[in-house]
C-alpha atoms as a PDB file:
ATOM      1  CA  MET A   1       0.000   0.000   0.000  1.00  0.00           C
ATOM      2  CA  ARG A   2       1.242   3.485  -0.880  1.00  0.00           C
ATOM      3  CA  PHE A   3       0.960   6.379   1.561  1.00  0.00           C
ATOM      4  CA  THR A   4       2.620   9.594   2.641  1.00  0.00           C
ATOM      5  CA  THR A   5       2.599  11.792   5.738  1.00  0.00           C
ATOM      6  CA  TRP A   6       1.598  15.410   6.283  1.00  0.00           C
ATOM      7  CA  LYS A   7       2.534  17.979   8.885  1.00  0.00           C
ATOM      8  CA  ASP A   8      -0.866  19.716   8.718  1.00  0.00           C
ATOM      9  CA  TYR A   9      -3.023  16.591   8.542  1.00  0.00           C
ATOM     10  CA  GLU A  10      -3.020  13.610  10.893  1.00  0.00           C
ATOM     11  CA  LEU A  11      -5.266  10.569  11.205  1.00  0.00           C
ATOM     12  CA  ILE A  12      -4.998  10.256  14.958  1.00  0.00           C
ATOM     13  CA  ASP A  13      -7.227   7.254  15.659  1.00  0.00           C
ATOM     14  CA  VAL A  14      -9.980   5.080  14.163  1.00  0.00           C
ATOM     15  CA  SER A  15     -12.703   3.270  16.118  1.00  0.00           C
ATOM     16  CA  ARG A  16     -16.444   2.483  16.120  1.00  0.00           C
ATOM     17  CA  GLY A  17     -17.081   3.650  12.570  1.00  0.00           C
ATOM     18  CA  LYS A  18     -15.274   6.978  12.993  1.00  0.00           C
ATOM     19  CA  ARG A  19     -12.036   8.774  12.206  1.00  0.00           C
ATOM     20  CA  LEU A  20     -10.375  11.168  14.639  1.00  0.00           C
ATOM     21  CA  GLU A  21      -8.447  13.665  12.508  1.00  0.00           C
ATOM     22  CA  ARG A  22      -6.321  16.777  12.929  1.00  0.00           C
ATOM     23  CA  TRP A  23      -6.636  19.381  10.188  1.00  0.00           C
ATOM     24  CA  GLY A  24      -4.088  22.044  11.107  1.00  0.00           C
ATOM     25  CA  GLU A  25      -5.063  22.826  14.680  1.00  0.00           C
ATOM     26  CA  LYS A  26      -8.701  21.700  14.296  1.00  0.00           C
ATOM     27  CA  ILE A  27      -9.844  18.264  15.481  1.00  0.00           C
ATOM     28  CA  LEU A  28     -12.645  16.684  13.446  1.00  0.00           C
ATOM     29  CA  ILE A  29     -14.520  13.407  13.822  1.00  0.00           C
ATOM     30  CA  ARG A  30     -15.982  11.956  10.633  1.00  0.00           C
ATOM     31  CA  PRO A  31     -17.704   8.636   9.903  1.00  0.00           C
ATOM     32  CA  ASP A  32     -15.915   5.895   7.970  1.00  0.00           C
ATOM     33  CA  PRO A  33     -17.860   2.699   7.147  1.00  0.00           C
ATOM     34  CA  GLN A  34     -14.629   0.686   6.894  1.00  0.00           C
ATOM     35  CA  VAL A  35     -13.896   1.154  10.604  1.00  0.00           C
ATOM     36  CA  ILE A  36     -15.825  -1.897  11.804  1.00  0.00           C
ATOM     37  CA  TRP A  37     -13.786  -2.563  14.960  1.00  0.00           C
ATOM     38  CA  ASP A  38     -14.607  -1.410  18.463  1.00  0.00           C
ATOM     39  CA  TYR A  39     -12.023  -0.484  21.070  1.00  0.00           C
ATOM     40  CA  GLU A  40     -11.473   2.125  23.737  1.00  0.00           C
ATOM     41  CA  GLU A  41     -11.175   5.719  22.536  1.00  0.00           C
ATOM     42  CA  ASN A  42      -8.441   6.742  24.947  1.00  0.00           C
ATOM     43  CA  ASP A  43      -7.069   9.804  23.161  1.00  0.00           C
ATOM     44  CA  PRO A  44      -8.558  12.885  24.931  1.00  0.00           C
ATOM     45  CA  ARG A  45      -9.187  14.519  21.563  1.00  0.00           C
ATOM     46  CA  TRP A  46     -12.155  12.167  21.002  1.00  0.00           C
ATOM     47  CA  LYS A  47     -13.875  14.336  23.609  1.00  0.00           C
ATOM     48  CA  ASN A  48     -12.100  17.635  22.931  1.00  0.00           C
ATOM     49  CA  LYS A  49     -12.979  17.790  19.227  1.00  0.00           C
ATOM     50  CA  SER A  50     -13.653  20.946  17.237  1.00  0.00           C
ATOM     51  CA  ALA A  51     -16.529  19.391  15.301  1.00  0.00           C
ATOM     52  CA  VAL A  52     -18.147  16.032  14.597  1.00  0.00           C
ATOM     53  CA  TYR A  53     -20.196  14.914  11.604  1.00  0.00           C
ATOM     54  CA  HIS A  54     -23.387  12.979  12.410  1.00  0.00           C
ATOM     55  CA  ARG A  55     -24.989  10.815   9.762  1.00  0.00           C
ATOM     56  CA  SER A  56     -28.759  10.867   9.397  1.00  0.00           C
ATOM     57  CA  SER A  57     -30.753   7.636   9.185  1.00  0.00           C
ATOM     58  CA  THR A  58     -32.571   9.140   6.191  1.00  0.00           C
ATOM     59  CA  GLY A  59     -29.377  10.036   4.312  1.00  0.00           C
ATOM     60  CA  GLY A  60     -26.873  12.865   4.523  1.00  0.00           C
ATOM     61  CA  GLY A  61     -26.132  14.345   7.908  1.00  0.00           C
ATOM     62  CA  HIS A  62     -24.938  17.468   9.687  1.00  0.00           C
ATOM     63  CA  TRP A  63     -21.936  18.958  11.471  1.00  0.00           C
ATOM     64  CA  GLU A  64     -22.056  19.602  15.208  1.00  0.00           C
ATOM     65  CA  LYS A  65     -19.536  22.331  15.990  1.00  0.00           C
ATOM     66  CA  ASN A  66     -17.971  22.614  19.419  1.00  0.00           C
ATOM     67  CA  GLU A  67     -16.753  26.194  19.794  1.00  0.00           C
ATOM     68  CA  LEU A  68     -15.600  26.177  16.175  1.00  0.00           C
ATOM     69  CA  SER A  69     -16.440  29.549  14.660  1.00  0.00           C
ATOM     70  CA  ASP A  70     -14.266  29.293  11.550  1.00  0.00           C
ATOM     71  CA  GLU A  71     -16.190  28.328   8.425  1.00  0.00           C
ATOM     72  CA  SER A  72     -12.891  27.586   6.704  1.00  0.00           C
ATOM     73  CA  TRP A  73      -9.188  27.520   7.488  1.00  0.00           C
ATOM     74  CA  THR A  74      -5.962  26.738   5.689  1.00  0.00           C
ATOM     75  CA  VAL A  75      -3.709  23.680   5.692  1.00  0.00           C
ATOM     76  CA  LYS A  76      -0.647  23.027   3.563  1.00  0.00           C
ATOM     77  CA  TYR A  77       1.223  20.115   2.040  1.00  0.00           C
ATOM     78  CA  LYS A  78       4.787  21.042   1.184  1.00  0.00           C
ATOM     79  CA  LYS A  79       4.358  24.258  -0.870  1.00  0.00           C
ATOM     80  CA  LEU A  80       0.655  23.726  -1.638  1.00  0.00           C
ATOM     81  CA  HIS A  81      -2.013  25.478   0.420  1.00  0.00           C
ATOM     82  CA  PHE A  82      -5.686  24.517   0.693  1.00  0.00           C
ATOM     83  CA  HIS A  83      -8.869  25.929   2.163  1.00  0.00           C
ATOM     84  CA  VAL A  84     -10.575  23.380   4.427  1.00  0.00           C
ATOM     85  CA  LYS A  85     -14.346  23.717   4.735  1.00  0.00           C
ATOM     86  CA  MET A  86     -16.868  21.511   6.512  1.00  0.00           C
ATOM     87  CA  MET A  87     -19.197  20.533   3.683  1.00  0.00           C
ATOM     88  CA  ASN A  88     -22.327  18.412   3.444  1.00  0.00           C
ATOM     89  CA  PHE A  89     -21.769  14.650   3.241  1.00  0.00           C
ATOM     90  CA  LYS A  90     -18.805  14.920   5.678  1.00  0.00           C
ATOM     91  CA  HIS A  91     -16.296  16.257   3.103  1.00  0.00           C
ATOM     92  CA  THR A  92     -13.660  18.925   3.778  1.00  0.00           C
ATOM     93  CA  GLY A  93     -12.468  19.698   0.243  1.00  0.00           C
ATOM     94  CA  ILE A  94      -9.284  17.630   0.434  1.00  0.00           C
ATOM     95  CA  PHE A  95      -8.550  13.924   0.209  1.00  0.00           C
ATOM     96  CA  PRO A  96      -5.199  13.860   2.051  1.00  0.00           C
ATOM     97  CA  GLU A  97      -4.336  10.331   0.901  1.00  0.00           C
ATOM     98  CA  GLN A  98      -3.991  11.727  -2.633  1.00  0.00           C
ATOM     99  CA  ALA A  99      -0.776  13.511  -1.638  1.00  0.00           C
ATOM    100  CA  VAL A 100       1.105  10.317  -2.484  1.00  0.00           C
ATOM    101  CA  ASN A 101      -0.068  10.758  -6.079  1.00  0.00           C
ATOM    102  CA  TRP A 102       0.839  14.453  -6.072  1.00  0.00           C
ATOM    103  CA  ASP A 103       4.396  13.400  -5.227  1.00  0.00           C
ATOM    104  CA  LEU A 104       4.351  10.844  -8.029  1.00  0.00           C
ATOM    105  CA  LEU A 105       3.115  13.437 -10.526  1.00  0.00           C
ATOM    106  CA  GLU A 106       5.764  15.911  -9.392  1.00  0.00           C
ATOM    107  CA  ASN A 107       8.495  13.375 -10.070  1.00  0.00           C
ATOM    108  CA  LEU A 108       7.098  12.409 -13.474  1.00  0.00           C
ATOM    109  CA  ILE A 109       6.860  16.031 -14.575  1.00  0.00           C
ATOM    110  CA  LYS A 110      10.262  17.101 -13.265  1.00  0.00           C
ATOM    111  CA  ASN A 111      11.945  14.097 -14.895  1.00  0.00           C
ATOM    112  CA  SER A 112      10.328  14.741 -18.268  1.00  0.00           C
ATOM    113  CA  LYS A 113      12.494  16.087 -21.068  1.00  0.00           C
ATOM    114  CA  LYS A 114       9.739  18.456 -22.190  1.00  0.00           C
ATOM    115  CA  LYS A 115       7.061  20.661 -20.643  1.00  0.00           C
ATOM    116  CA  LEU A 116       4.015  18.426 -20.207  1.00  0.00           C
ATOM    117  CA  ASN A 117       0.429  19.382 -20.993  1.00  0.00           C
ATOM    118  CA  ILE A 118      -1.826  17.707 -18.400  1.00  0.00           C
ATOM    119  CA  LEU A 119      -5.598  17.111 -18.388  1.00  0.00           C
ATOM    120  CA  ASN A 120      -7.156  16.733 -14.926  1.00  0.00           C
ATOM    121  CA  LEU A 121     -10.749  15.425 -15.100  1.00  0.00           C
ATOM    122  CA  PHE A 122     -13.249  15.453 -12.213  1.00  0.00           C
ATOM    123  CA  ALA A 123     -10.598  17.733 -10.764  1.00  0.00           C
ATOM    124  CA  TYR A 124     -12.474  18.803  -7.607  1.00  0.00           C
ATOM    125  CA  THR A 125     -10.627  21.453  -5.544  1.00  0.00           C
ATOM    126  CA  GLY A 126      -7.390  21.160  -7.454  1.00  0.00           C
ATOM    127  CA  GLY A 127      -4.861  19.161  -5.445  1.00  0.00           C
ATOM    128  CA  ALA A 128      -3.464  17.317  -8.467  1.00  0.00           C
ATOM    129  CA  SER A 129      -3.771  20.392 -10.697  1.00  0.00           C
ATOM    130  CA  LEU A 130      -1.703  22.496  -8.308  1.00  0.00           C
ATOM    131  CA  ALA A 131       0.902  19.763  -7.847  1.00  0.00           C
ATOM    132  CA  CYS A 132       1.339  19.470 -11.618  1.00  0.00           C
ATOM    133  CA  ALA A 133       1.511  23.214 -12.180  1.00  0.00           C
ATOM    134  CA  ALA A 134       3.994  23.717  -9.347  1.00  0.00           C
ATOM    135  CA  ALA A 135       6.190  20.995 -10.887  1.00  0.00           C
ATOM    136  CA  GLY A 136       6.292  22.869 -14.194  1.00  0.00           C
ATOM    137  CA  ALA A 137       3.423  21.465 -16.298  1.00  0.00           C
ATOM    138  CA  LYS A 138       0.620  23.190 -18.177  1.00  0.00           C
ATOM    139  CA  VAL A 139      -2.710  22.041 -16.728  1.00  0.00           C
ATOM    140  CA  CYS A 140      -6.303  21.915 -17.903  1.00  0.00           C
ATOM    141  CA  HIS A 141      -8.530  21.562 -14.827  1.00  0.00           C
ATOM    142  CA  VAL A 142     -12.072  20.313 -15.596  1.00  0.00           C
ATOM    143  CA  ASP A 143     -14.972  19.823 -13.199  1.00  0.00           C
ATOM    144  CA  ALA A 144     -18.735  20.046 -13.692  1.00  0.00           C
ATOM    145  CA  ALA A 145     -19.277  21.923 -10.415  1.00  0.00           C
ATOM    146  CA  LYS A 146     -18.708  25.674 -10.640  1.00  0.00           C
ATOM    147  CA  GLY A 147     -18.234  25.915  -6.889  1.00  0.00           C
ATOM    148  CA  MET A 148     -15.456  23.323  -6.919  1.00  0.00           C
ATOM    149  CA  VAL A 149     -13.598  25.100  -9.726  1.00  0.00           C
ATOM    150  CA  SER A 150     -13.873  28.398  -7.821  1.00  0.00           C
ATOM    151  CA  TRP A 151     -12.516  26.667  -4.724  1.00  0.00           C
ATOM    152  CA  ALA A 152      -9.612  25.242  -6.766  1.00  0.00           C
ATOM    153  CA  ARG A 153      -8.798  28.736  -8.013  1.00  0.00           C
ATOM    154  CA  GLU A 154      -8.787  29.961  -4.396  1.00  0.00           C
ATOM    155  CA  ASN A 155      -6.320  27.189  -3.573  1.00  0.00           C
ATOM    156  CA  SER A 156      -4.096  28.164  -6.499  1.00  0.00           C
ATOM    157  CA  LYS A 157      -4.018  31.745  -5.222  1.00  0.00           C
ATOM    158  CA  LEU A 158      -3.198  30.566  -1.691  1.00  0.00           C
ATOM    159  CA  SER A 159      -0.378  28.461  -3.130  1.00  0.00           C
ATOM    160  CA  GLY A 160       1.101  31.348  -5.104  1.00  0.00           C
ATOM    161  CA  LEU A 161       0.189  29.716  -8.424  1.00  0.00           C
ATOM    162  CA  SER A 162      -2.274  32.278  -9.811  1.00  0.00           C
ATOM    163  CA  SER A 163       0.035  33.177 -12.698  1.00  0.00           C
ATOM    164  CA  TYR A 164       0.866  29.564 -13.571  1.00  0.00           C
ATOM    165  CA  PRO A 165      -0.552  28.031 -16.782  1.00  0.00           C
ATOM    166  CA  ILE A 166      -3.788  26.453 -15.505  1.00  0.00           C
ATOM    167  CA  ARG A 167      -6.999  26.537 -17.569  1.00  0.00           C
ATOM    168  CA  TRP A 168     -10.114  26.443 -15.391  1.00  0.00           C
ATOM    169  CA  ILE A 169     -13.049  24.709 -17.120  1.00  0.00           C
ATOM    170  CA  VAL A 170     -16.571  24.258 -15.735  1.00  0.00           C
ATOM    171  CA  GLU A 171     -18.074  21.552 -17.930  1.00  0.00           C
ATOM    172  CA  ASP A 172     -19.222  17.966 -18.056  1.00  0.00           C
ATOM    173  CA  CYS A 173     -15.992  15.970 -18.458  1.00  0.00           C
ATOM    174  CA  GLU A 174     -17.230  13.721 -21.256  1.00  0.00           C
ATOM    175  CA  LYS A 175     -18.520  16.639 -23.304  1.00  0.00           C
ATOM    176  CA  PHE A 176     -15.259  18.495 -22.822  1.00  0.00           C
ATOM    177  CA  VAL A 177     -13.151  15.541 -24.020  1.00  0.00           C
ATOM    178  CA  LEU A 178     -15.388  15.103 -27.072  1.00  0.00           C
ATOM    179  CA  ARG A 179     -14.840  18.760 -27.923  1.00  0.00           C
ATOM    180  CA  GLU A 180     -11.084  18.476 -27.439  1.00  0.00           C
ATOM    181  CA  LEU A 181     -11.079  15.492 -29.778  1.00  0.00           C
ATOM    182  CA  LYS A 182     -12.814  17.543 -32.474  1.00  0.00           C
ATOM    183  CA  ARG A 183     -10.388  20.426 -31.933  1.00  0.00           C
ATOM    184  CA  GLY A 184      -7.419  18.083 -32.258  1.00  0.00           C
ATOM    185  CA  ASN A 185      -6.022  19.025 -28.847  1.00  0.00           C
ATOM    186  CA  LYS A 186      -3.715  16.490 -27.213  1.00  0.00           C
ATOM    187  CA  TYR A 187      -2.378  15.916 -23.692  1.00  0.00           C
ATOM    188  CA  ASP A 188       0.810  14.331 -22.406  1.00  0.00           C
ATOM    189  CA  GLY A 189      -0.856  13.043 -19.252  1.00  0.00           C
ATOM    190  CA  ILE A 190      -4.399  12.455 -17.992  1.00  0.00           C
ATOM    191  CA  ILE A 191      -5.582  12.280 -14.398  1.00  0.00           C
ATOM    192  CA  MET A 192      -9.128  11.278 -13.527  1.00  0.00           C
ATOM    193  CA  ASP A 193     -10.778  10.948 -10.150  1.00  0.00           C
ATOM    194  CA  PRO A 194     -14.343   9.980 -11.115  1.00  0.00           C
ATOM    195  CA  PRO A 195     -17.189   9.913  -8.590  1.00  0.00           C
ATOM    196  CA  SER A 196     -19.331   6.825  -8.173  1.00  0.00           C
ATOM    197  CA  TYR A 197     -22.328   8.937  -9.157  1.00  0.00           C
ATOM    198  CA  GLY A 198     -22.665  12.506 -10.332  1.00  0.00           C
ATOM    199  CA  ARG A 199     -24.489  14.998 -12.511  1.00  0.00           C
ATOM    200  CA  GLY A 200     -23.094  17.492 -15.011  1.00  0.00           C
ATOM    201  CA  PRO A 201     -24.080  21.185 -15.281  1.00  0.00           C
ATOM    202  CA  LYS A 202     -27.045  20.287 -17.523  1.00  0.00           C
ATOM    203  CA  GLY A 203     -28.151  17.212 -15.629  1.00  0.00           C
ATOM    204  CA  GLU A 204     -25.855  14.731 -17.379  1.00  0.00           C
ATOM    205  CA  VAL A 205     -25.822  11.515 -15.343  1.00  0.00           C
ATOM    206  CA  TRP A 206     -22.555   9.756 -14.513  1.00  0.00           C
ATOM    207  CA  LYS A 207     -22.576   6.218 -13.076  1.00  0.00           C
ATOM    208  CA  ILE A 208     -19.059   4.879 -12.736  1.00  0.00           C
ATOM    209  CA  GLU A 209     -19.920   1.243 -13.406  1.00  0.00           C
ATOM    210  CA  GLU A 210     -21.673   2.210 -16.646  1.00  0.00           C
ATOM    211  CA  LYS A 211     -19.436   4.999 -17.927  1.00  0.00           C
ATOM    212  CA  LEU A 212     -15.842   4.513 -16.829  1.00  0.00           C
ATOM    213  CA  PHE A 213     -14.618   1.956 -19.354  1.00  0.00           C
ATOM    214  CA  SER A 214     -15.957   3.760 -22.419  1.00  0.00           C
ATOM    215  CA  PHE A 215     -14.763   7.097 -21.033  1.00  0.00           C
ATOM    216  CA  VAL A 216     -11.198   5.830 -20.571  1.00  0.00           C
ATOM    217  CA  ARG A 217     -11.197   4.629 -24.176  1.00  0.00           C
ATOM    218  CA  LEU A 218     -12.432   8.039 -25.299  1.00  0.00           C
ATOM    219  CA  CYS A 219      -9.745   9.827 -23.273  1.00  0.00           C
ATOM    220  CA  GLU A 220      -7.027   7.664 -24.802  1.00  0.00           C
ATOM    221  CA  SER A 221      -7.857   9.423 -28.090  1.00  0.00           C
ATOM    222  CA  VAL A 222      -6.666  12.771 -26.716  1.00  0.00           C
ATOM    223  CA  LEU A 223      -3.342  11.442 -25.436  1.00  0.00           C
ATOM    224  CA  SER A 224      -0.360  12.744 -27.375  1.00  0.00           C
ATOM    225  CA  GLU A 225       1.903  10.423 -29.348  1.00  0.00           C
ATOM    226  CA  LYS A 226       4.522  10.577 -26.591  1.00  0.00           C
ATOM    227  CA  ALA A 227       2.171  10.674 -23.605  1.00  0.00           C
ATOM    228  CA  GLN A 228       3.786  10.076 -20.221  1.00  0.00           C
ATOM    229  CA  PHE A 229       0.954   8.782 -18.013  1.00  0.00           C
ATOM    230  CA  PHE A 230      -2.732   8.043 -17.461  1.00  0.00           C
ATOM    231  CA  ILE A 231      -3.881   7.842 -13.831  1.00  0.00           C
ATOM    232  CA  ILE A 232      -7.250   6.674 -12.483  1.00  0.00           C
ATOM    233  CA  ASN A 233      -8.190   7.115  -8.830  1.00  0.00           C
ATOM    234  CA  SER A 234     -11.299   5.646  -7.232  1.00  0.00           C
ATOM    235  CA  TYR A 235     -13.070   5.473  -3.886  1.00  0.00           C
ATOM    236  CA  SER A 236     -15.743   3.071  -5.165  1.00  0.00           C
ATOM    237  CA  ALA A 237     -15.672  -0.287  -3.369  1.00  0.00           C
ATOM    238  CA  GLY A 238     -16.468  -2.021  -6.657  1.00  0.00           C
ATOM    239  CA  LEU A 239     -13.320  -0.755  -8.381  1.00  0.00           C
ATOM    240  CA  SER A 240     -10.373  -2.676  -7.005  1.00  0.00           C
ATOM    241  CA  PRO A 241      -6.833  -1.825  -8.150  1.00  0.00           C
ATOM    242  CA  SER A 242      -6.928  -4.907 -10.406  1.00  0.00           C
ATOM    243  CA  VAL A 243     -10.178  -3.791 -12.057  1.00  0.00           C
ATOM    244  CA  MET A 244      -8.743  -0.335 -12.800  1.00  0.00           C
ATOM    245  CA  SER A 245      -5.560  -1.960 -14.085  1.00  0.00           C
ATOM    246  CA  PHE A 246      -7.596  -4.046 -16.512  1.00  0.00           C
ATOM    247  CA  ILE A 247      -9.532  -0.978 -17.679  1.00  0.00           C
ATOM    248  CA  LEU A 248      -6.254   0.829 -18.414  1.00  0.00           C
ATOM    249  CA  HIS A 249      -4.923  -2.227 -20.197  1.00  0.00           C
ATOM    250  CA  GLU A 250      -7.952  -2.498 -22.467  1.00  0.00           C
ATOM    251  CA  GLY A 251      -8.443   1.240 -22.869  1.00  0.00           C
ATOM    252  CA  VAL A 252      -4.855   2.452 -23.219  1.00  0.00           C
ATOM    253  CA  ALA A 253      -2.103  -0.182 -23.207  1.00  0.00           C
ATOM    254  CA  LYS A 254      -3.776  -2.324 -25.869  1.00  0.00           C
ATOM    255  CA  ASN A 255      -3.137   0.481 -28.378  1.00  0.00           C
ATOM    256  CA  ARG A 256       0.054   1.963 -26.950  1.00  0.00           C
ATOM    257  CA  GLY A 257       1.901  -0.776 -25.111  1.00  0.00           C
ATOM    258  CA  GLY A 258       3.564   0.353 -21.907  1.00  0.00           C
ATOM    259  CA  ILE A 259       3.327  -0.698 -18.277  1.00  0.00           C
ATOM    260  CA  ILE A 260       0.432  -0.578 -15.804  1.00  0.00           C
ATOM    261  CA  SER A 261       0.900  -0.437 -12.025  1.00  0.00           C
ATOM    262  CA  CYS A 262      -1.860  -0.452  -9.424  1.00  0.00           C
ATOM    263  CA  ASP A 263      -2.206  -0.362  -5.656  1.00  0.00           C
ATOM    264  CA  GLU A 264      -4.259   0.757  -2.689  1.00  0.00           C
ATOM    265  CA  ILE A 265      -3.519   4.154  -1.188  1.00  0.00           C
ATOM    266  CA  GLY A 266      -3.941   4.855   2.487  1.00  0.00           C
ATOM    267  CA  ILE A 267      -3.288   7.034   5.508  1.00  0.00           C
ATOM    268  CA  PRO A 268      -1.098   6.081   8.493  1.00  0.00           C
ATOM    269  CA  VAL A 269      -2.939   6.002  11.835  1.00  0.00           C
ATOM    270  CA  SER A 270      -0.874   7.708  14.540  1.00  0.00           C
ATOM    271  CA  SER A 271      -2.216   5.571  17.400  1.00  0.00           C
ATOM    272  CA  SER A 272      -1.108   2.321  15.754  1.00  0.00           C
ATOM    273  CA  LYS A 273       0.973   0.884  12.919  1.00  0.00           C
ATOM    274  CA  PHE A 274      -2.177   0.481  10.826  1.00  0.00           C
ATOM    275  CA  ILE A 275      -2.496   2.061   7.377  1.00  0.00           C
ATOM    276  CA  MET A 276      -6.137   3.002   6.824  1.00  0.00           C
ATOM    277  CA  PRO A 277      -7.234   2.154   3.250  1.00  0.00           C
ATOM    278  CA  ALA A 278      -8.593   5.255   1.555  1.00  0.00           C
ATOM    279  CA  GLY A 279      -8.885   4.423  -2.138  1.00  0.00           C
ATOM    280  CA  ASN A 280      -7.334   2.729  -5.118  1.00  0.00           C
ATOM    281  CA  THR A 281      -5.141   3.956  -7.929  1.00  0.00           C
ATOM    282  CA  ALA A 282      -3.821   2.640 -11.236  1.00  0.00           C
ATOM    283  CA  ILE A 283      -1.365   4.249 -13.622  1.00  0.00           C
ATOM    284  CA  TRP A 284      -0.295   3.576 -17.193  1.00  0.00           C
ATOM    285  CA  THR A 285       3.126   4.767 -18.337  1.00  0.00           C
ATOM    286  CA  PRO A 286       5.003   4.047 -21.563  1.00  0.00           C
ATOM    287  CA  ASN A 287       7.948   2.672 -19.565  1.00  0.00           C
ATOM    288  CA  ASN A 288       8.386   0.766 -16.352  1.00  0.00           C
ATOM    289  CA  LEU A 289       7.442   2.805 -13.281  1.00  0.00           C
ATOM    290  CA  LYS A 290       7.403   1.508  -9.737  1.00  0.00           C
ATOM    291  CA  LEU A 291       4.619   3.078  -7.677  1.00  0.00           C
END
């Protein structure tokens, strides 16, 4: 399993369906259905939390704030800065486990012999986009949610990357790729972090089990002749690393050759030696790359 560590984020403990986390100086408790064990919550921060997210039996949930007046605050990973906000459905705007992929992207870009043009699809609040831009790549950041793209732009400003070559696109990802194909635009690397379910700006429905395979094949058409990578990330329980590896094989490697690597990504738990699984990733490269 691949993982990295932060200074501004810490997974302190996991028990009874919950995560105890430190985001900067704030302590949050959020539900995690994978935490099916039950043991004593001895760390005093279980009680002295800043906020806790409560799920509703009818779906969704709400935040209970304990003397937490800040609607948002800032955390950083290396030179990247991010706004953290307590959103609906327990999210904060960052998936900290993805930092291991930001490091991978940084190395790929810095070791390239040319300036890479990167397409980031379902790009959310911009973690991968900022990592690529900071490493020296041109980036096209695409997400269907206007609010997420605005948030990503805020993060780029916080990170001192406002003047870097990032295109900000609010559009359904499939429609955007189809348009790029017609325009003849090509990319040296593609990153996608597709949701299990989502809707585009005009109500376009995305279901990962129905759309992902055909979408990967479509995206392969906008890879440049000397493309350097294609990365898929997933949080869907139905998409194991091996499944994503097979999709990349059929959708990309079958036409281009190359190597596919896949693995789980996770977060170290401070109270134990356990690495908490937090998603899966698979990457195609034209040459051998060890994740």
